[in-house]
Structure formats: structure tokens, C-alpha cells
Amino acid sequence: ALWIGLENLHELTSIPNNQQALRIELKRKGEKKPTVLLYHKFIVGSKPENYKLTIADYEGPNGYDALSYHNGAVFTIKKSLTQTPDKDKCSDRLSGGWWFKECNKANLNGRKFEYATEFKTSKALGITWHIKDKDQSYYYSYHNVEMKIRDDDFGFCTGRLKS
């Protein structure tokens, strides 16, 4: 697993007059093709802003827009020094860092489970992406996830050509 770091995410997404898009590819074990999600606006705030997430303009399968729920959330980690007591009860239980907001609808920094029995009984502990009206989606961890960042106006990357 590779995480480029919050400061790098901030630097990549805060270039003036250059909006960044986030493409997420989710794959369950055994799947050949990933589920592809696109957010045309993706910004990670600075350290003094606690790396606040700004996300908008979702494009993808119906019901899969889980990350918009986290819009405006700050990044928290287990025993974070930046959060007030009891404000975020999830980072401790989920033992990872994410833009938690009253727990989560998405957590791409969750645990990677190798066996089906492991992740079917571990609600929201794995690489989680909640699907609307499918609460059982909390129980199934994705095996592979990629987050890709690119200029939103770069037509080839987003599948849109500018004329």
C-alpha cells in the first residue's frame, strides 16, 4: 500500500485556478474490472485546517456517492491531537486515519482483509465504500483501491474531450 501523505495531497490539490479531480477505482477480490467513481472537485486543506476535505461534483454509478458525505470533514487519526475529546469516536475503533464524520460512509484507509470470513464479520473495519440503501455494503471490504488525482479539465483522463 502506498499513501503519498496529506501534505502532498494538499500541495497537489491547492494550485490556484487549477481544479483537481479525484478518480477512485474500487475492486473486490476476484473482480476483473473495478468500480470507477469520479469527483470533479477534490481539495485537501492545509495542516492548520487539519487537512479539511472538499469534495463535489460526483460522476459514477447511482448510489455510490459515499464520499460526498465526508465533505467538510477534517482528517483524523487514532489518538489525534487535533480533535476534541469524543468528537470522533471512529478513528480509534477503526484504527486508521480518514476524513471521519460521525463515523463513515467511505474509508479507503481501512484494513485489507485477505479472507471472506474476516471481512464479512468486521463491519466498517476494512476498505469500506457504502452503497446507498445497501447497508450490507458496510460488511464487505474492498481488496484493492486506487485514488488518482488529475487536472479536472484534462479531457483524456476524465473521458471528456474539450472542443
N, C-alpha and C. Protein backbone atom coordinates (compact mmCIF):
# COMPACT_ATOMS: atom_id res chain seq x y z
N ALA A 1 0.85 -1.19 0.00
CA ALA A 1 0.00 0.00 0.00
C ALA A 1 0.88 1.24 0.00
N LEU A 2 0.43 2.24 -0.68
CA LEU A 2 1.17 3.49 -0.77
C LEU A 2 0.24 4.65 -0.46
N TRP A 3 0.67 5.52 0.41
CA TRP A 3 -0.07 6.73 0.76
C TRP A 3 0.90 7.88 0.60
N ILE A 4 0.59 8.84 -0.27
CA ILE A 4 1.56 9.90 -0.56
C ILE A 4 1.63 10.97 0.52
N GLY A 5 0.71 10.94 1.45
CA GLY A 5 0.75 11.87 2.57
C GLY A 5 -0.16 13.06 2.39
N LEU A 6 -0.63 13.57 3.50
CA LEU A 6 -1.59 14.68 3.49
C LEU A 6 -1.00 15.97 2.96
N GLU A 7 0.24 16.25 3.33
CA GLU A 7 0.86 17.49 2.85
C GLU A 7 1.01 17.46 1.33
N ASN A 8 1.38 16.31 0.78
CA ASN A 8 1.47 16.18 -0.68
C ASN A 8 0.09 16.30 -1.33
N LEU A 9 -0.93 15.70 -0.72
CA LEU A 9 -2.29 15.84 -1.25
C LEU A 9 -2.72 17.31 -1.25
N HIS A 10 -2.39 18.01 -0.17
CA HIS A 10 -2.72 19.43 -0.10
C HIS A 10 -2.02 20.20 -1.22
N GLU A 11 -0.73 19.97 -1.39
CA GLU A 11 0.02 20.69 -2.43
C GLU A 11 -0.54 20.39 -3.82
N LEU A 12 -0.88 19.15 -4.08
CA LEU A 12 -1.41 18.77 -5.40
C LEU A 12 -2.78 19.36 -5.69
N THR A 13 -3.58 19.55 -4.64
CA THR A 13 -4.97 19.96 -4.86
C THR A 13 -5.24 21.43 -4.57
N SER A 14 -4.22 22.20 -4.25
CA SER A 14 -4.47 23.60 -3.89
C SER A 14 -3.79 24.58 -4.84
N ILE A 15 -3.56 24.16 -6.06
CA ILE A 15 -2.96 25.05 -7.06
C ILE A 15 -4.04 26.03 -7.52
N PRO A 16 -3.80 27.34 -7.40
CA PRO A 16 -4.82 28.32 -7.79
C PRO A 16 -5.24 28.17 -9.26
N ASN A 17 -6.52 28.36 -9.52
CA ASN A 17 -7.09 28.30 -10.87
C ASN A 17 -6.81 26.98 -11.58
N ASN A 18 -6.71 25.91 -10.83
CA ASN A 18 -6.40 24.61 -11.43
C ASN A 18 -7.11 23.51 -10.63
N GLN A 19 -8.41 23.38 -10.84
CA GLN A 19 -9.21 22.42 -10.08
C GLN A 19 -8.78 20.99 -10.37
N GLN A 20 -8.69 20.21 -9.30
CA GLN A 20 -8.28 18.82 -9.41
C GLN A 20 -9.48 17.88 -9.31
N ALA A 21 -9.41 16.78 -10.04
CA ALA A 21 -10.43 15.74 -9.99
C ALA A 21 -9.83 14.52 -9.28
N LEU A 22 -10.70 13.76 -8.63
CA LEU A 22 -10.29 12.53 -7.96
C LEU A 22 -11.02 11.37 -8.60
N ARG A 23 -10.26 10.42 -9.10
CA ARG A 23 -10.82 9.19 -9.66
C ARG A 23 -10.51 8.08 -8.67
N ILE A 24 -11.55 7.33 -8.29
CA ILE A 24 -11.39 6.23 -7.35
C ILE A 24 -11.76 4.94 -8.08
N GLU A 25 -10.90 3.95 -7.96
CA GLU A 25 -11.16 2.64 -8.54
C GLU A 25 -11.19 1.62 -7.40
N LEU A 26 -12.35 0.99 -7.22
CA LEU A 26 -12.56 0.01 -6.15
C LEU A 26 -12.68 -1.38 -6.76
N LYS A 27 -11.99 -2.35 -6.17
CA LYS A 27 -12.07 -3.71 -6.67
C LYS A 27 -12.18 -4.69 -5.51
N ARG A 28 -13.16 -5.58 -5.59
CA ARG A 28 -13.28 -6.66 -4.62
C ARG A 28 -12.42 -7.84 -5.09
N LYS A 29 -12.06 -8.70 -4.16
CA LYS A 29 -11.24 -9.86 -4.50
C LYS A 29 -11.96 -10.70 -5.56
N GLY A 30 -11.24 -11.04 -6.61
CA GLY A 30 -11.81 -11.86 -7.68
C GLY A 30 -12.44 -11.08 -8.81
N GLU A 31 -12.70 -9.79 -8.62
CA GLU A 31 -13.28 -8.97 -9.69
C GLU A 31 -12.21 -8.61 -10.70
N LYS A 32 -12.59 -8.63 -11.96
CA LYS A 32 -11.65 -8.26 -13.02
C LYS A 32 -11.66 -6.77 -13.30
N LYS A 33 -12.84 -6.15 -13.26
CA LYS A 33 -12.97 -4.72 -13.54
C LYS A 33 -13.32 -3.96 -12.26
N PRO A 34 -12.70 -2.80 -12.07
CA PRO A 34 -13.03 -2.01 -10.88
C PRO A 34 -14.32 -1.21 -11.06
N THR A 35 -14.91 -0.82 -9.95
CA THR A 35 -15.97 0.19 -9.96
C THR A 35 -15.26 1.53 -9.99
N VAL A 36 -15.61 2.37 -10.97
CA VAL A 36 -14.92 3.65 -11.16
C VAL A 36 -15.83 4.80 -10.74
N LEU A 37 -15.32 5.68 -9.89
CA LEU A 37 -16.04 6.83 -9.38
C LEU A 37 -15.20 8.07 -9.67
N LEU A 38 -15.85 9.17 -9.96
CA LEU A 38 -15.12 10.40 -10.28
C LEU A 38 -15.74 11.57 -9.55
N TYR A 39 -14.90 12.36 -8.91
CA TYR A 39 -15.31 13.62 -8.28
C TYR A 39 -14.55 14.72 -9.01
N HIS A 40 -15.29 15.63 -9.62
CA HIS A 40 -14.66 16.67 -10.43
C HIS A 40 -14.03 17.78 -9.59
N LYS A 41 -14.32 17.80 -8.29
CA LYS A 41 -13.69 18.78 -7.40
C LYS A 41 -13.13 18.04 -6.19
N PHE A 42 -11.83 18.17 -5.98
CA PHE A 42 -11.14 17.50 -4.88
C PHE A 42 -10.07 18.42 -4.34
N ILE A 43 -10.23 18.81 -3.07
CA ILE A 43 -9.26 19.69 -2.41
C ILE A 43 -8.99 19.14 -1.01
N VAL A 44 -7.73 19.09 -0.64
CA VAL A 44 -7.33 18.76 0.72
C VAL A 44 -6.72 20.02 1.31
N GLY A 45 -7.30 20.49 2.41
CA GLY A 45 -6.84 21.72 3.05
C GLY A 45 -5.44 21.59 3.63
N SER A 46 -4.96 22.68 4.19
CA SER A 46 -3.60 22.73 4.76
C SER A 46 -3.56 22.12 6.16
N LYS A 47 -2.37 21.99 6.70
CA LYS A 47 -2.20 21.47 8.06
C LYS A 47 -2.96 22.31 9.09
N PRO A 48 -2.86 23.67 9.05
CA PRO A 48 -3.64 24.46 10.00
C PRO A 48 -5.16 24.25 9.88
N GLU A 49 -5.61 23.79 8.71
CA GLU A 49 -7.04 23.48 8.50
C GLU A 49 -7.34 22.02 8.81
N ASN A 50 -6.36 21.31 9.38
CA ASN A 50 -6.48 19.88 9.69
C ASN A 50 -6.80 19.05 8.45
N TYR A 51 -6.27 19.48 7.30
CA TYR A 51 -6.42 18.76 6.04
C TYR A 51 -7.90 18.52 5.69
N LYS A 52 -8.68 19.56 5.86
CA LYS A 52 -10.12 19.51 5.58
C LYS A 52 -10.38 19.05 4.14
N LEU A 53 -11.35 18.15 3.98
CA LEU A 53 -11.72 17.60 2.68
C LEU A 53 -12.81 18.44 2.03
N THR A 54 -12.58 18.84 0.79
CA THR A 54 -13.61 19.46 -0.04
C THR A 54 -13.77 18.57 -1.25
N ILE A 55 -14.97 18.04 -1.42
CA ILE A 55 -15.25 17.10 -2.50
C ILE A 55 -16.62 17.43 -3.09
N ALA A 56 -16.74 17.40 -4.43
CA ALA A 56 -18.02 17.74 -5.06
C ALA A 56 -18.05 17.22 -6.49
N ASP A 57 -19.22 17.35 -7.08
CA ASP A 57 -19.45 17.05 -8.50
C ASP A 57 -19.16 15.58 -8.83
N TYR A 58 -19.92 14.70 -8.18
CA TYR A 58 -19.77 13.25 -8.36
C TYR A 58 -20.25 12.80 -9.73
N GLU A 59 -19.54 11.84 -10.28
CA GLU A 59 -19.94 11.17 -11.52
C GLU A 59 -19.62 9.69 -11.36
N GLY A 60 -20.62 8.85 -11.51
CA GLY A 60 -20.39 7.41 -11.37
C GLY A 60 -21.70 6.69 -11.20
N PRO A 61 -21.64 5.41 -10.81
CA PRO A 61 -22.85 4.61 -10.66
C PRO A 61 -23.80 5.19 -9.61
N ASN A 62 -25.10 5.06 -9.85
CA ASN A 62 -26.11 5.53 -8.89
C ASN A 62 -25.92 4.82 -7.55
N GLY A 63 -26.04 5.60 -6.48
CA GLY A 63 -25.95 5.06 -5.13
C GLY A 63 -24.54 4.92 -4.58
N TYR A 64 -23.54 5.20 -5.37
CA TYR A 64 -22.15 5.01 -4.94
C TYR A 64 -21.48 6.29 -4.46
N ASP A 65 -22.19 7.37 -4.34
CA ASP A 65 -21.58 8.65 -3.93
C ASP A 65 -21.40 8.71 -2.42
N ALA A 66 -20.53 7.89 -1.89
CA ALA A 66 -20.32 7.84 -0.44
C ALA A 66 -19.40 8.94 0.08
N LEU A 67 -18.50 9.43 -0.74
CA LEU A 67 -17.50 10.38 -0.25
C LEU A 67 -18.07 11.78 -0.02
N SER A 68 -19.12 12.15 -0.74
CA SER A 68 -19.72 13.48 -0.53
C SER A 68 -20.20 13.67 0.90
N TYR A 69 -20.58 12.59 1.56
CA TYR A 69 -20.99 12.64 2.97
C TYR A 69 -19.86 13.22 3.83
N HIS A 70 -18.62 12.98 3.45
CA HIS A 70 -17.46 13.41 4.23
C HIS A 70 -17.00 14.82 3.88
N ASN A 71 -17.68 15.48 2.95
CA ASN A 71 -17.30 16.84 2.55
C ASN A 71 -17.26 17.75 3.78
N GLY A 72 -16.18 18.48 3.94
CA GLY A 72 -16.04 19.39 5.07
C GLY A 72 -15.41 18.77 6.30
N ALA A 73 -15.20 17.45 6.29
CA ALA A 73 -14.60 16.77 7.45
C ALA A 73 -13.10 17.02 7.47
N VAL A 74 -12.52 17.00 8.67
CA VAL A 74 -11.07 17.12 8.80
C VAL A 74 -10.49 15.71 8.97
N PHE A 75 -9.24 15.57 8.60
CA PHE A 75 -8.57 14.27 8.68
C PHE A 75 -8.24 13.99 10.14
N THR A 76 -8.63 12.82 10.62
CA THR A 76 -8.31 12.44 11.99
C THR A 76 -7.63 11.08 11.99
N ILE A 77 -6.79 10.88 12.98
CA ILE A 77 -6.11 9.60 13.14
C ILE A 77 -6.33 9.12 14.56
N LYS A 78 -5.98 7.89 14.80
CA LYS A 78 -6.10 7.32 16.14
C LYS A 78 -5.35 8.21 17.13
N LYS A 79 -6.03 8.61 18.19
CA LYS A 79 -5.46 9.47 19.22
C LYS A 79 -4.92 10.78 18.65
N SER A 80 -5.68 11.35 17.73
CA SER A 80 -5.26 12.60 17.10
C SER A 80 -5.19 13.72 18.11
N LEU A 81 -4.16 14.53 18.00
CA LEU A 81 -4.02 15.68 18.89
C LEU A 81 -4.86 16.86 18.43
N THR A 82 -5.40 16.79 17.21
CA THR A 82 -6.15 17.93 16.68
C THR A 82 -7.64 17.85 16.98
N GLN A 83 -8.14 16.72 17.42
CA GLN A 83 -9.57 16.60 17.65
C GLN A 83 -9.91 16.80 19.13
N THR A 84 -11.10 17.28 19.38
CA THR A 84 -11.55 17.44 20.76
C THR A 84 -12.03 16.08 21.27
N PRO A 85 -11.98 15.84 22.58
CA PRO A 85 -12.38 14.55 23.12
C PRO A 85 -13.80 14.17 22.69
N ASP A 86 -13.97 12.92 22.29
CA ASP A 86 -15.25 12.32 21.91
C ASP A 86 -15.87 12.91 20.64
N LYS A 87 -15.19 13.83 19.98
CA LYS A 87 -15.76 14.36 18.73
C LYS A 87 -15.77 13.29 17.65
N ASP A 88 -14.71 12.52 17.57
CA ASP A 88 -14.61 11.47 16.58
C ASP A 88 -14.36 10.15 17.29
N LYS A 89 -15.38 9.33 17.36
CA LYS A 89 -15.26 8.05 18.05
C LYS A 89 -14.85 6.93 17.10
N CYS A 90 -14.64 7.26 15.85
CA CYS A 90 -14.38 6.22 14.85
C CYS A 90 -12.92 5.94 14.61
N SER A 91 -12.06 6.95 14.64
CA SER A 91 -10.67 6.71 14.28
C SER A 91 -10.02 5.72 15.25
N ASP A 92 -10.40 5.74 16.52
CA ASP A 92 -9.86 4.78 17.47
C ASP A 92 -10.34 3.37 17.15
N ARG A 93 -11.65 3.21 16.96
CA ARG A 93 -12.22 1.89 16.69
C ARG A 93 -11.76 1.35 15.34
N LEU A 94 -11.68 2.21 14.34
CA LEU A 94 -11.32 1.77 13.01
C LEU A 94 -9.81 1.75 12.80
N SER A 95 -9.07 2.19 13.78
CA SER A 95 -7.61 2.16 13.84
C SER A 95 -6.92 2.65 12.57
N GLY A 96 -7.38 3.75 12.07
CA GLY A 96 -6.74 4.33 10.90
C GLY A 96 -7.05 5.79 10.80
N GLY A 97 -6.51 6.42 9.78
CA GLY A 97 -6.78 7.83 9.55
C GLY A 97 -7.68 8.01 8.34
N TRP A 98 -8.62 8.97 8.45
CA TRP A 98 -9.55 9.26 7.35
C TRP A 98 -10.29 10.55 7.68
N TRP A 99 -11.07 11.01 6.74
CA TRP A 99 -11.93 12.16 6.96
C TRP A 99 -13.23 11.67 7.59
N PHE A 100 -13.13 11.21 8.84
CA PHE A 100 -14.29 10.66 9.53
C PHE A 100 -15.29 11.76 9.85
N LYS A 101 -16.55 11.46 9.70
CA LYS A 101 -17.62 12.39 10.02
C LYS A 101 -18.74 11.56 10.61
N GLU A 102 -18.86 11.62 11.94
CA GLU A 102 -19.81 10.75 12.63
C GLU A 102 -19.67 9.33 12.09
N CYS A 103 -18.50 8.80 12.20
CA CYS A 103 -18.04 7.54 11.61
C CYS A 103 -17.88 7.72 10.12
N ASN A 104 -18.39 6.81 9.31
CA ASN A 104 -18.03 6.93 7.91
C ASN A 104 -19.03 6.29 6.97
N LYS A 105 -19.02 6.79 5.75
CA LYS A 105 -19.70 6.15 4.62
C LYS A 105 -18.63 5.58 3.69
N ALA A 106 -17.43 6.11 3.80
CA ALA A 106 -16.30 5.64 3.00
C ALA A 106 -15.04 5.69 3.86
N ASN A 107 -14.21 4.68 3.71
CA ASN A 107 -12.91 4.67 4.40
C ASN A 107 -11.94 3.87 3.54
N LEU A 108 -11.19 4.57 2.73
CA LEU A 108 -10.25 3.90 1.84
C LEU A 108 -8.92 3.60 2.52
N ASN A 109 -8.78 3.99 3.78
CA ASN A 109 -7.60 3.66 4.57
C ASN A 109 -7.90 2.56 5.57
N GLY A 110 -8.97 1.81 5.34
CA GLY A 110 -9.32 0.70 6.23
C GLY A 110 -8.36 -0.47 6.07
N ARG A 111 -8.60 -1.49 6.86
CA ARG A 111 -7.76 -2.69 6.82
C ARG A 111 -8.01 -3.49 5.54
N LYS A 112 -6.97 -4.13 5.06
CA LYS A 112 -7.11 -5.02 3.90
C LYS A 112 -7.24 -6.44 4.43
N PHE A 113 -8.44 -7.00 4.28
CA PHE A 113 -8.68 -8.36 4.75
C PHE A 113 -8.42 -9.35 3.62
N GLU A 114 -7.83 -10.47 3.96
CA GLU A 114 -7.49 -11.49 2.96
C GLU A 114 -8.57 -12.55 2.81
N TYR A 115 -9.35 -12.79 3.85
CA TYR A 115 -10.30 -13.90 3.81
C TYR A 115 -11.72 -13.39 3.99
N ALA A 116 -12.65 -13.98 3.25
CA ALA A 116 -14.06 -13.55 3.27
C ALA A 116 -14.64 -13.58 4.68
N THR A 117 -14.34 -14.62 5.45
CA THR A 117 -14.90 -14.71 6.80
C THR A 117 -14.42 -13.58 7.68
N GLU A 118 -13.23 -13.11 7.42
CA GLU A 118 -12.66 -12.00 8.18
C GLU A 118 -13.45 -10.72 7.96
N PHE A 119 -13.68 -10.36 6.70
CA PHE A 119 -14.29 -9.06 6.46
C PHE A 119 -15.81 -9.07 6.52
N LYS A 120 -16.45 -10.22 6.40
CA LYS A 120 -17.91 -10.25 6.50
C LYS A 120 -18.39 -10.00 7.93
N THR A 121 -17.52 -10.22 8.89
CA THR A 121 -17.90 -10.02 10.29
C THR A 121 -17.28 -8.77 10.89
N SER A 122 -16.67 -7.97 10.09
CA SER A 122 -15.94 -6.80 10.59
C SER A 122 -16.54 -5.52 10.03
N LYS A 123 -17.72 -5.17 10.49
CA LYS A 123 -18.44 -4.01 9.96
C LYS A 123 -17.57 -2.76 9.95
N ALA A 124 -17.40 -2.22 8.77
CA ALA A 124 -16.73 -0.93 8.53
C ALA A 124 -15.25 -0.90 8.90
N LEU A 125 -14.65 -2.04 9.17
CA LEU A 125 -13.24 -2.05 9.55
C LEU A 125 -12.31 -2.13 8.35
N GLY A 126 -12.81 -2.62 7.24
CA GLY A 126 -11.97 -2.78 6.06
C GLY A 126 -12.00 -1.55 5.18
N ILE A 127 -11.55 -1.73 3.94
CA ILE A 127 -11.63 -0.68 2.93
C ILE A 127 -13.10 -0.59 2.55
N THR A 128 -13.77 0.42 3.07
CA THR A 128 -15.23 0.50 3.03
C THR A 128 -15.72 1.56 2.07
N TRP A 129 -16.80 1.22 1.36
CA TRP A 129 -17.48 2.19 0.50
C TRP A 129 -18.97 1.86 0.58
N HIS A 130 -19.74 2.69 1.28
CA HIS A 130 -21.16 2.42 1.48
C HIS A 130 -21.95 2.71 0.21
N ILE A 131 -22.80 1.76 -0.15
CA ILE A 131 -23.69 1.91 -1.30
C ILE A 131 -25.07 2.25 -0.75
N LYS A 132 -25.68 3.31 -1.26
CA LYS A 132 -26.97 3.79 -0.77
C LYS A 132 -28.01 2.66 -0.78
N ASP A 133 -28.77 2.58 0.31
CA ASP A 133 -29.82 1.58 0.51
C ASP A 133 -29.31 0.15 0.56
N LYS A 134 -28.01 -0.03 0.75
CA LYS A 134 -27.43 -1.37 0.87
C LYS A 134 -26.52 -1.38 2.09
N ASP A 135 -27.14 -1.45 3.27
CA ASP A 135 -26.35 -1.40 4.50
C ASP A 135 -25.36 -2.56 4.60
N GLN A 136 -25.65 -3.68 3.92
CA GLN A 136 -24.70 -4.80 3.96
C GLN A 136 -23.37 -4.44 3.32
N SER A 137 -23.34 -3.35 2.55
CA SER A 137 -22.07 -2.94 1.93
C SER A 137 -21.03 -2.55 2.99
N TYR A 138 -21.48 -2.22 4.22
CA TYR A 138 -20.54 -1.94 5.31
C TYR A 138 -19.74 -3.18 5.72
N TYR A 139 -20.29 -4.36 5.43
CA TYR A 139 -19.67 -5.60 5.87
C TYR A 139 -18.68 -6.18 4.87
N TYR A 140 -18.62 -5.61 3.69
CA TYR A 140 -17.74 -6.16 2.66
C TYR A 140 -16.61 -5.20 2.37
N SER A 141 -15.42 -5.68 2.55
CA SER A 141 -14.23 -4.87 2.34
C SER A 141 -13.74 -5.02 0.91
N TYR A 142 -13.30 -3.92 0.35
CA TYR A 142 -12.67 -3.98 -0.97
C TYR A 142 -11.25 -4.48 -0.81
N HIS A 143 -10.79 -5.22 -1.79
CA HIS A 143 -9.46 -5.80 -1.74
C HIS A 143 -8.40 -4.85 -2.29
N ASN A 144 -8.81 -4.01 -3.22
CA ASN A 144 -7.86 -3.09 -3.85
C ASN A 144 -8.56 -1.76 -4.12
N VAL A 145 -7.84 -0.68 -3.89
CA VAL A 145 -8.39 0.66 -4.16
C VAL A 145 -7.26 1.54 -4.67
N GLU A 146 -7.60 2.38 -5.63
CA GLU A 146 -6.65 3.37 -6.13
C GLU A 146 -7.35 4.72 -6.17
N MET A 147 -6.66 5.73 -5.67
CA MET A 147 -7.12 7.11 -5.75
C MET A 147 -6.18 7.83 -6.71
N LYS A 148 -6.73 8.43 -7.75
CA LYS A 148 -5.91 9.09 -8.77
C LYS A 148 -6.34 10.55 -8.88
N ILE A 149 -5.36 11.43 -8.94
CA ILE A 149 -5.63 12.87 -9.00
C ILE A 149 -5.12 13.42 -10.32
N ARG A 150 -5.93 14.30 -10.92
CA ARG A 150 -5.53 14.92 -12.18
C ARG A 150 -6.27 16.23 -12.36
N ASP A 151 -5.75 17.11 -13.16
CA ASP A 151 -6.48 18.34 -13.50
C ASP A 151 -7.86 17.96 -14.02
N ASP A 152 -8.90 18.62 -13.52
CA ASP A 152 -10.25 18.29 -13.95
C ASP A 152 -10.48 18.61 -15.42
N ASP A 153 -9.80 19.59 -15.96
CA ASP A 153 -10.04 19.95 -17.36
C ASP A 153 -9.18 19.13 -18.33
N PHE A 154 -8.52 18.12 -17.84
CA PHE A 154 -7.74 17.25 -18.71
C PHE A 154 -8.68 16.20 -19.28
N GLY A 155 -9.19 16.43 -20.48
CA GLY A 155 -10.24 15.63 -21.10
C GLY A 155 -9.95 14.16 -21.23
N PHE A 156 -8.74 13.78 -21.59
CA PHE A 156 -8.44 12.38 -21.80
C PHE A 156 -8.59 11.57 -20.51
N CYS A 157 -8.12 12.11 -19.42
CA CYS A 157 -8.15 11.42 -18.13
C CYS A 157 -9.58 11.17 -17.66
N THR A 158 -10.44 12.15 -17.83
CA THR A 158 -11.80 12.03 -17.32
C THR A 158 -12.77 11.49 -18.35
N GLY A 159 -12.27 11.18 -19.54
CA GLY A 159 -13.13 10.63 -20.57
C GLY A 159 -13.94 11.67 -21.30
N ARG A 160 -13.64 12.94 -21.07
CA ARG A 160 -14.36 14.03 -21.73
C ARG A 160 -13.37 14.80 -22.59
N LEU A 161 -13.74 15.05 -23.80
CA LEU A 161 -12.89 15.85 -24.68
C LEU A 161 -13.43 17.26 -24.77
N LYS A 162 -12.56 18.22 -24.60
CA LYS A 162 -12.95 19.63 -24.72
C LYS A 162 -12.88 20.02 -26.18
N SER A 163 -13.86 20.82 -26.61
CA SER A 163 -13.82 21.28 -28.01
C SER A 163 -13.41 22.72 -28.09
